[in-house]
N, C-alpha and C. Protein backbone atom coordinates (compact mmCIF):
# COMPACT_ATOMS: atom_id res chain seq x y z
N MET A 1 146.65 93.78 115.67
CA MET A 1 146.32 94.73 116.69
C MET A 1 147.36 94.92 117.75
N PRO A 2 147.37 95.91 118.52
CA PRO A 2 148.39 96.15 119.45
C PRO A 2 148.30 95.21 120.70
N ALA A 3 149.30 95.01 121.39
CA ALA A 3 149.29 94.07 122.53
C ALA A 3 148.26 94.62 123.51
N SER A 4 147.47 93.70 124.07
CA SER A 4 146.42 94.02 124.99
C SER A 4 145.92 92.65 125.59
N THR A 5 145.03 92.85 126.50
CA THR A 5 144.51 91.71 127.15
C THR A 5 143.68 90.90 126.31
N ASP A 6 143.52 89.59 126.49
CA ASP A 6 142.68 88.78 125.66
C ASP A 6 141.23 89.21 125.58
N ALA A 7 140.73 89.76 126.68
CA ALA A 7 139.34 90.21 126.67
C ALA A 7 139.09 91.44 125.85
N GLU A 8 140.14 92.29 125.79
CA GLU A 8 139.94 93.54 125.12
C GLU A 8 139.74 93.45 123.44
N PRO A 9 140.46 92.58 122.79
CA PRO A 9 140.06 92.35 121.36
C PRO A 9 138.70 91.70 121.13
N ALA A 10 138.39 90.79 122.11
CA ALA A 10 137.15 90.08 121.98
C ALA A 10 135.99 91.12 122.13
N GLU A 11 136.11 91.96 123.12
CA GLU A 11 135.13 92.93 123.43
C GLU A 11 134.89 93.92 122.25
N ARG A 12 136.05 94.37 121.62
CA ARG A 12 136.08 95.36 120.55
C ARG A 12 135.39 94.70 119.34
N TRP A 13 135.76 93.40 118.99
CA TRP A 13 135.05 92.73 117.85
C TRP A 13 133.62 92.47 118.05
N GLN A 14 133.32 92.22 119.34
CA GLN A 14 131.89 91.94 119.65
C GLN A 14 131.14 93.14 119.46
N ALA A 15 131.64 94.40 119.81
CA ALA A 15 130.93 95.61 119.74
C ALA A 15 130.82 95.98 118.20
N LEU A 16 131.88 95.72 117.44
CA LEU A 16 131.84 95.99 115.98
C LEU A 16 130.87 95.09 115.23
N LEU A 17 130.69 93.87 115.72
CA LEU A 17 129.80 92.86 115.07
C LEU A 17 128.53 92.76 115.58
N GLY A 18 127.96 93.83 116.16
CA GLY A 18 126.68 93.91 116.67
C GLY A 18 126.45 93.06 117.91
N GLY A 19 127.33 92.72 118.76
CA GLY A 19 127.10 91.87 119.96
C GLY A 19 127.37 90.45 119.77
N ALA A 20 127.80 90.00 118.64
CA ALA A 20 127.99 88.60 118.32
C ALA A 20 129.14 88.13 119.22
N ARG A 21 128.93 86.96 119.92
CA ARG A 21 129.99 86.38 120.69
C ARG A 21 130.85 85.51 119.71
N LEU A 22 132.15 85.79 119.82
CA LEU A 22 133.04 85.06 118.93
C LEU A 22 133.85 84.00 119.50
N GLY A 23 133.92 82.82 118.78
CA GLY A 23 134.70 81.76 119.33
C GLY A 23 136.20 82.03 119.10
N PRO A 24 137.06 81.27 119.81
CA PRO A 24 138.46 81.47 119.72
C PRO A 24 139.15 81.47 118.38
N GLU A 25 138.50 80.53 117.49
CA GLU A 25 139.02 80.46 116.12
C GLU A 25 138.69 81.70 115.33
N VAL A 26 137.45 82.19 115.44
CA VAL A 26 137.06 83.38 114.68
C VAL A 26 137.76 84.53 115.08
N LEU A 27 137.99 84.69 116.41
CA LEU A 27 138.71 85.85 116.95
C LEU A 27 140.06 85.83 116.51
N ALA A 28 140.74 84.62 116.45
CA ALA A 28 142.17 84.43 115.96
C ALA A 28 142.26 84.89 114.52
N SER A 29 141.30 84.44 113.70
CA SER A 29 141.30 84.89 112.23
C SER A 29 141.10 86.27 112.04
N LEU A 30 140.23 86.96 112.72
CA LEU A 30 140.09 88.38 112.73
C LEU A 30 141.31 89.06 113.14
N GLU A 31 141.93 88.69 114.16
CA GLU A 31 143.19 89.29 114.61
C GLU A 31 144.35 89.19 113.67
N ALA A 32 144.31 87.91 112.98
CA ALA A 32 145.34 87.75 111.96
C ALA A 32 145.28 88.65 110.69
N MET A 33 143.97 88.82 110.30
CA MET A 33 143.69 89.56 109.10
C MET A 33 143.80 91.13 109.36
N ALA A 34 143.51 91.55 110.67
CA ALA A 34 143.43 92.99 110.91
C ALA A 34 144.79 93.73 110.75
N ARG A 35 144.66 94.80 110.06
CA ARG A 35 145.94 95.72 109.78
C ARG A 35 145.73 97.02 110.63
N PRO A 36 146.31 97.01 111.84
CA PRO A 36 146.11 98.15 112.71
C PRO A 36 146.94 99.44 112.24
N ARG A 37 146.32 100.60 112.47
CA ARG A 37 147.18 101.80 112.19
C ARG A 37 146.88 102.81 113.40
N ALA A 38 148.02 103.25 113.95
CA ALA A 38 147.92 104.31 114.93
C ALA A 38 148.05 105.64 114.17
N LEU A 39 147.09 106.55 114.54
CA LEU A 39 147.04 107.81 113.88
C LEU A 39 147.26 109.00 114.73
N ALA A 40 147.86 110.03 114.30
CA ALA A 40 147.96 111.22 115.03
C ALA A 40 146.83 112.22 114.60
N ALA A 41 146.49 113.11 115.45
CA ALA A 41 145.48 114.06 115.13
C ALA A 41 145.75 114.65 113.64
N GLY A 42 144.56 114.74 112.87
CA GLY A 42 144.71 115.22 111.47
C GLY A 42 145.21 114.25 110.43
N ALA A 43 145.55 113.12 110.93
CA ALA A 43 146.02 112.11 109.92
C ALA A 43 144.91 111.59 109.04
N ARG A 44 145.21 111.29 107.82
CA ARG A 44 144.25 110.86 106.85
C ARG A 44 144.05 109.35 106.99
N VAL A 45 142.71 108.99 106.97
CA VAL A 45 142.28 107.62 107.06
C VAL A 45 142.07 107.18 105.59
N PHE A 46 141.36 107.95 104.78
CA PHE A 46 141.26 107.79 103.42
C PHE A 46 140.58 109.04 102.71
N GLY A 47 140.73 109.12 101.52
CA GLY A 47 140.18 110.23 100.72
C GLY A 47 139.06 109.89 99.87
N ARG A 48 138.29 110.90 99.69
CA ARG A 48 137.02 110.82 98.81
C ARG A 48 137.43 110.34 97.41
N GLY A 49 136.66 109.45 96.87
CA GLY A 49 136.90 109.01 95.53
C GLY A 49 137.93 107.80 95.46
N GLU A 50 138.67 107.50 96.52
CA GLU A 50 139.58 106.49 96.52
C GLU A 50 138.91 105.13 96.64
N THR A 51 139.43 104.09 95.83
CA THR A 51 138.85 102.79 95.95
C THR A 51 139.20 102.16 97.25
N PRO A 52 138.20 101.65 97.98
CA PRO A 52 138.50 101.15 99.35
C PRO A 52 139.32 99.94 99.28
N GLN A 53 140.09 99.78 100.22
CA GLN A 53 141.12 98.63 100.31
C GLN A 53 140.70 97.53 101.27
N GLY A 54 139.53 97.80 101.94
CA GLY A 54 138.91 96.91 102.99
C GLY A 54 138.00 97.55 103.79
N LEU A 55 137.57 96.79 104.77
CA LEU A 55 136.61 97.41 105.87
C LEU A 55 137.46 98.14 106.84
N VAL A 56 137.05 99.30 107.16
CA VAL A 56 137.84 100.19 108.14
C VAL A 56 136.91 100.38 109.40
N ALA A 57 137.58 100.18 110.48
CA ALA A 57 136.90 100.49 111.87
C ALA A 57 137.80 101.35 112.78
N VAL A 58 137.19 102.25 113.35
CA VAL A 58 137.90 103.13 114.40
C VAL A 58 137.75 102.21 115.69
N LEU A 59 138.91 101.92 116.37
CA LEU A 59 138.84 101.12 117.59
C LEU A 59 138.85 101.99 118.86
N GLU A 60 139.82 102.96 118.79
CA GLU A 60 140.01 104.15 119.82
C GLU A 60 140.07 105.47 119.30
N GLY A 61 139.61 106.42 120.05
CA GLY A 61 139.60 107.71 119.52
C GLY A 61 138.43 108.09 118.64
N ALA A 62 138.62 109.05 117.78
CA ALA A 62 137.54 109.49 116.96
C ALA A 62 138.05 109.85 115.55
N VAL A 63 137.17 109.49 114.42
CA VAL A 63 137.50 109.73 113.23
C VAL A 63 136.39 110.54 112.57
N GLY A 64 136.71 111.61 111.88
CA GLY A 64 135.73 112.50 111.27
C GLY A 64 135.58 112.15 109.82
N LEU A 65 134.35 112.17 109.36
CA LEU A 65 133.92 112.11 107.97
C LEU A 65 133.53 113.43 107.52
N GLY A 66 134.03 113.81 106.34
CA GLY A 66 133.47 115.18 105.78
C GLY A 66 134.28 115.44 104.64
N GLN A 67 134.67 116.72 104.29
CA GLN A 67 135.35 117.14 103.07
C GLN A 67 136.58 117.92 103.35
N LEU A 68 137.62 117.43 102.76
CA LEU A 68 138.90 118.21 102.77
C LEU A 68 138.93 119.23 101.69
N ARG A 69 138.67 120.46 102.04
CA ARG A 69 138.57 121.61 101.05
C ARG A 69 139.95 121.87 100.38
N GLU A 70 139.90 122.52 99.27
CA GLU A 70 141.12 122.88 98.54
C GLU A 70 142.08 123.72 99.37
N ASP A 71 141.60 124.47 100.40
CA ASP A 71 142.44 125.36 101.14
C ASP A 71 142.99 124.55 102.35
N GLY A 72 142.85 123.19 102.36
CA GLY A 72 143.35 122.40 103.38
C GLY A 72 142.56 122.20 104.67
N VAL A 73 141.40 122.93 104.73
CA VAL A 73 140.57 122.88 105.94
C VAL A 73 139.61 121.61 105.83
N PHE A 74 139.56 121.00 106.90
CA PHE A 74 138.68 119.81 106.90
C PHE A 74 137.32 120.22 107.40
N GLN A 75 136.21 120.05 106.55
CA GLN A 75 134.90 120.39 106.96
C GLN A 75 134.17 119.17 107.47
N LEU A 76 134.08 119.13 108.78
CA LEU A 76 133.48 117.95 109.47
C LEU A 76 132.07 117.83 109.24
N GLU A 77 131.57 116.72 108.89
CA GLU A 77 130.07 116.38 108.78
C GLU A 77 129.69 115.33 109.77
N ARG A 78 130.57 114.42 110.10
CA ARG A 78 130.11 113.30 111.09
C ARG A 78 131.26 112.85 111.81
N THR A 79 131.12 112.53 113.18
CA THR A 79 132.18 112.02 113.98
C THR A 79 131.83 110.59 114.34
N LEU A 80 132.78 109.70 114.22
CA LEU A 80 132.62 108.30 114.65
C LEU A 80 133.72 108.06 115.79
N ARG A 81 133.15 107.58 116.97
CA ARG A 81 133.94 107.20 118.11
C ARG A 81 134.02 105.62 118.18
N GLY A 82 135.29 105.14 118.46
CA GLY A 82 135.38 103.76 118.48
C GLY A 82 134.73 103.12 119.68
N PRO A 83 134.36 101.79 119.50
CA PRO A 83 134.47 100.99 118.29
C PRO A 83 133.41 101.35 117.36
N ALA A 84 133.63 101.59 116.11
CA ALA A 84 132.60 101.92 115.03
C ALA A 84 133.26 101.63 113.70
N TRP A 85 132.44 101.19 112.74
CA TRP A 85 132.79 100.94 111.33
C TRP A 85 132.78 102.34 110.66
N VAL A 86 133.66 102.43 109.71
CA VAL A 86 133.77 103.74 108.91
C VAL A 86 133.46 103.39 107.48
N ASP A 87 132.39 103.97 107.04
CA ASP A 87 132.05 103.85 105.57
C ASP A 87 131.99 102.34 105.02
N LEU A 88 131.20 101.51 105.60
CA LEU A 88 131.13 100.06 105.16
C LEU A 88 130.71 99.95 103.75
N ALA A 89 129.75 100.73 103.36
CA ALA A 89 129.15 100.55 101.97
C ALA A 89 130.16 100.56 100.84
N SER A 90 131.14 101.58 100.87
CA SER A 90 132.08 101.74 99.82
C SER A 90 132.87 100.51 99.55
N ALA A 91 133.30 99.86 100.65
CA ALA A 91 134.09 98.64 100.52
C ALA A 91 133.46 97.56 99.72
N TRP A 92 132.02 97.51 99.65
CA TRP A 92 131.23 96.57 98.99
C TRP A 92 130.88 97.02 97.58
N LEU A 93 130.48 98.33 97.50
CA LEU A 93 130.09 98.92 96.25
C LEU A 93 131.19 99.25 95.18
N LEU A 94 132.36 99.48 95.72
CA LEU A 94 133.59 99.80 94.96
C LEU A 94 133.36 101.07 94.12
N ASP A 95 132.59 101.96 94.65
CA ASP A 95 132.41 103.24 93.95
C ASP A 95 133.45 104.26 94.33
N GLY A 96 134.17 103.85 95.29
CA GLY A 96 135.02 105.04 95.84
C GLY A 96 134.41 105.63 97.22
N HIS A 97 135.26 105.98 98.04
CA HIS A 97 134.61 106.57 99.29
C HIS A 97 133.96 107.90 99.01
N GLY A 98 132.77 108.12 99.54
CA GLY A 98 131.99 109.28 99.33
C GLY A 98 132.40 110.49 100.01
N GLN A 99 133.34 110.32 101.04
CA GLN A 99 133.73 111.40 101.86
C GLN A 99 135.29 111.19 102.33
N ASP A 100 135.92 112.27 102.73
CA ASP A 100 137.23 112.16 103.25
C ASP A 100 137.06 111.68 104.69
N ALA A 101 138.11 111.06 105.26
CA ALA A 101 138.16 110.66 106.61
C ALA A 101 139.41 111.03 107.18
N GLN A 102 139.42 111.51 108.37
CA GLN A 102 140.69 111.87 109.14
C GLN A 102 140.46 111.76 110.55
N ALA A 103 141.68 111.42 111.32
CA ALA A 103 141.60 111.24 112.75
C ALA A 103 141.39 112.75 113.37
N LEU A 104 140.51 112.83 114.34
CA LEU A 104 140.22 114.06 114.89
C LEU A 104 141.12 114.40 116.29
N GLY A 105 141.77 113.26 116.59
CA GLY A 105 142.73 113.25 117.71
C GLY A 105 143.50 112.00 117.48
N ALA A 106 144.37 111.71 118.55
CA ALA A 106 144.96 110.48 118.44
C ALA A 106 144.08 109.33 118.29
N ALA A 107 144.26 108.44 117.31
CA ALA A 107 143.16 107.37 117.16
C ALA A 107 143.86 106.11 116.66
N GLN A 108 143.22 105.03 116.83
CA GLN A 108 143.61 103.71 116.44
C GLN A 108 142.47 103.16 115.49
N VAL A 109 142.84 102.83 114.29
CA VAL A 109 141.90 102.30 113.36
C VAL A 109 142.46 100.86 112.97
N VAL A 110 141.58 100.03 112.29
CA VAL A 110 142.07 98.77 111.81
C VAL A 110 141.43 98.59 110.45
N VAL A 111 142.08 97.97 109.52
CA VAL A 111 141.45 97.73 108.25
C VAL A 111 141.47 96.10 108.18
N LEU A 112 140.37 95.71 107.69
CA LEU A 112 140.23 94.25 107.42
C LEU A 112 140.18 94.14 105.85
N PRO A 113 141.30 93.74 105.28
CA PRO A 113 141.32 93.77 103.85
C PRO A 113 140.38 92.67 103.27
N ARG A 114 139.84 93.04 102.06
CA ARG A 114 138.93 92.04 101.39
C ARG A 114 139.81 90.91 100.87
N PRO A 115 139.50 89.65 101.46
CA PRO A 115 140.42 88.49 100.97
C PRO A 115 139.91 87.96 99.61
N PHE A 116 138.99 88.61 99.05
CA PHE A 116 138.41 88.15 97.67
C PHE A 116 138.07 89.38 96.89
N ASP A 117 138.02 89.14 95.59
CA ASP A 117 137.62 90.25 94.62
C ASP A 117 136.15 90.41 94.73
N VAL A 118 135.66 91.62 94.49
CA VAL A 118 134.23 91.94 94.48
C VAL A 118 134.01 92.64 93.09
N GLU A 119 133.03 92.07 92.37
CA GLU A 119 132.96 92.79 90.99
C GLU A 119 131.92 93.89 91.18
N LYS A 120 131.95 94.95 90.61
CA LYS A 120 131.12 96.08 90.67
C LYS A 120 129.74 95.72 90.13
N LEU A 121 128.66 96.02 90.83
CA LEU A 121 127.29 95.80 90.46
C LEU A 121 127.02 96.47 89.21
N GLN A 122 126.50 95.83 88.15
CA GLN A 122 126.17 96.41 86.91
C GLN A 122 124.69 96.59 86.87
N SER A 123 124.28 97.81 86.41
CA SER A 123 122.80 98.09 86.17
C SER A 123 122.64 98.17 84.60
N ALA A 124 121.39 97.91 84.25
CA ALA A 124 121.21 98.25 82.78
C ALA A 124 121.37 99.60 82.38
N GLN A 125 121.81 99.75 81.10
CA GLN A 125 122.06 101.13 80.66
C GLN A 125 120.74 101.95 80.86
N ARG A 126 120.93 103.20 81.39
CA ARG A 126 119.84 104.14 81.62
C ARG A 126 118.84 103.56 82.52
N ASP A 127 119.15 102.72 83.44
CA ASP A 127 118.27 102.11 84.42
C ASP A 127 118.12 103.03 85.60
N ASP A 128 117.05 103.67 85.95
CA ASP A 128 116.76 104.63 86.95
C ASP A 128 116.25 103.93 88.18
N GLY A 129 116.30 102.61 88.18
CA GLY A 129 115.83 101.81 89.38
C GLY A 129 114.30 101.40 89.29
N ARG A 130 113.70 101.77 88.18
CA ARG A 130 112.28 101.46 88.01
C ARG A 130 112.03 100.27 87.23
N ALA A 131 113.01 99.79 86.57
CA ALA A 131 112.81 98.70 85.51
C ALA A 131 112.25 97.49 86.20
N LEU A 132 112.83 96.94 87.24
CA LEU A 132 112.44 95.77 87.89
C LEU A 132 110.93 95.83 88.41
N PRO A 133 110.57 96.83 89.11
CA PRO A 133 109.14 96.92 89.53
C PRO A 133 108.22 97.01 88.36
N ASN A 134 108.58 97.68 87.24
CA ASN A 134 107.80 97.84 86.21
C ASN A 134 107.61 96.55 85.44
N GLN A 135 108.48 95.57 85.65
CA GLN A 135 108.37 94.27 84.80
C GLN A 135 107.51 93.30 85.71
N THR A 136 107.02 93.61 86.93
CA THR A 136 106.32 92.67 87.71
C THR A 136 104.86 92.67 87.03
N THR A 137 104.22 91.60 87.34
CA THR A 137 102.79 91.30 86.77
C THR A 137 101.75 91.89 87.67
N GLU A 138 102.01 92.37 88.78
CA GLU A 138 101.11 92.81 89.87
C GLU A 138 101.39 94.20 90.39
N ASP A 139 100.43 95.07 90.56
CA ASP A 139 100.63 96.34 91.13
C ASP A 139 100.09 96.17 92.60
N ILE A 140 100.90 96.00 93.51
CA ILE A 140 100.37 95.65 94.85
C ILE A 140 99.70 96.86 95.55
N THR A 141 99.90 98.05 94.93
CA THR A 141 99.24 99.29 95.45
C THR A 141 97.87 99.56 94.70
N ALA A 142 97.50 98.86 93.75
CA ALA A 142 96.34 99.14 92.90
C ALA A 142 95.17 98.52 93.63
N PRO A 143 94.02 99.41 93.78
CA PRO A 143 92.85 98.80 94.39
C PRO A 143 92.13 97.69 93.53
N ASP A 144 92.39 97.66 92.24
CA ASP A 144 91.74 96.62 91.46
C ASP A 144 92.52 95.23 91.53
N ASP A 145 93.53 95.12 92.34
CA ASP A 145 94.16 93.89 92.48
C ASP A 145 93.37 93.02 93.31
N VAL A 146 92.80 91.96 92.76
CA VAL A 146 91.83 91.16 93.42
C VAL A 146 92.35 89.71 93.65
N ARG A 147 93.60 89.60 93.49
CA ARG A 147 94.15 88.17 93.85
C ARG A 147 93.77 87.89 95.36
N ALA A 148 93.36 86.70 95.49
CA ALA A 148 93.03 86.23 96.84
C ALA A 148 94.32 86.19 97.72
N PHE A 149 94.13 86.40 98.94
CA PHE A 149 95.19 86.22 99.90
C PHE A 149 95.51 84.80 100.17
N ARG A 150 96.79 84.49 100.26
CA ARG A 150 97.25 83.16 100.47
C ARG A 150 98.17 83.17 101.75
N GLN A 151 98.04 82.34 102.68
CA GLN A 151 98.77 82.39 103.92
C GLN A 151 100.32 82.21 103.41
N GLY A 152 101.05 83.18 104.05
CA GLY A 152 102.49 83.26 103.81
C GLY A 152 102.78 83.96 102.53
N ASP A 153 101.86 84.46 101.78
CA ASP A 153 102.14 85.25 100.60
C ASP A 153 102.90 86.56 100.91
N PRO A 154 104.09 86.70 100.48
CA PRO A 154 104.83 87.89 100.71
C PRO A 154 104.47 89.11 99.86
N MET A 155 103.47 88.90 98.98
CA MET A 155 103.02 90.11 98.18
C MET A 155 101.78 90.60 98.82
N LYS A 156 101.23 90.04 99.86
CA LYS A 156 99.99 90.60 100.44
C LYS A 156 100.27 90.90 101.97
C-alpha cells in the first residue's frame, strides 16, 4: 500500500472487513500481501469472463461495474466507492468475472492474491439445484409431516 499513517491502513482494512479490529500481526500480513494499483480515470480493473487473480478492493475513488460495449463505451451498472470490495464471489467461484470493471476517476485499488488454489465447485451432471432437497426424507412444508418437535431441532 502507499505510504500513509499507521492509522489509515488499519481503518481501511477494518472498514473492508466489516468493522473487525485487527491486531498488528494481522495488519502487517495484509499489508505484505496487498498489491496496490493506482488507476487513472477509465483504467481497466478487470474484464468480464477473466479468471480472478485474487480479491479486489477499491480503497479510494470509485470503480464502476458494468459492460464495456464493442464500440468502446462503458455501460455503467453499479458504482463502488472506497473502501469497498469489488466482485468477491468470482474470486472464490472461479467462473470468471460477471462484469467489466473500470476506474470512474482517479482511484486506488488493492488486490489480495489467493495464496492457495481453489478448485471449482462441481455439480452433478444436469443438476438444476433440486437434487439435494429431493433426496431428503422429510418435506418440511407438507401439512402431513407429523414428526414431533424436538428442542433445538433445525428442521422445525
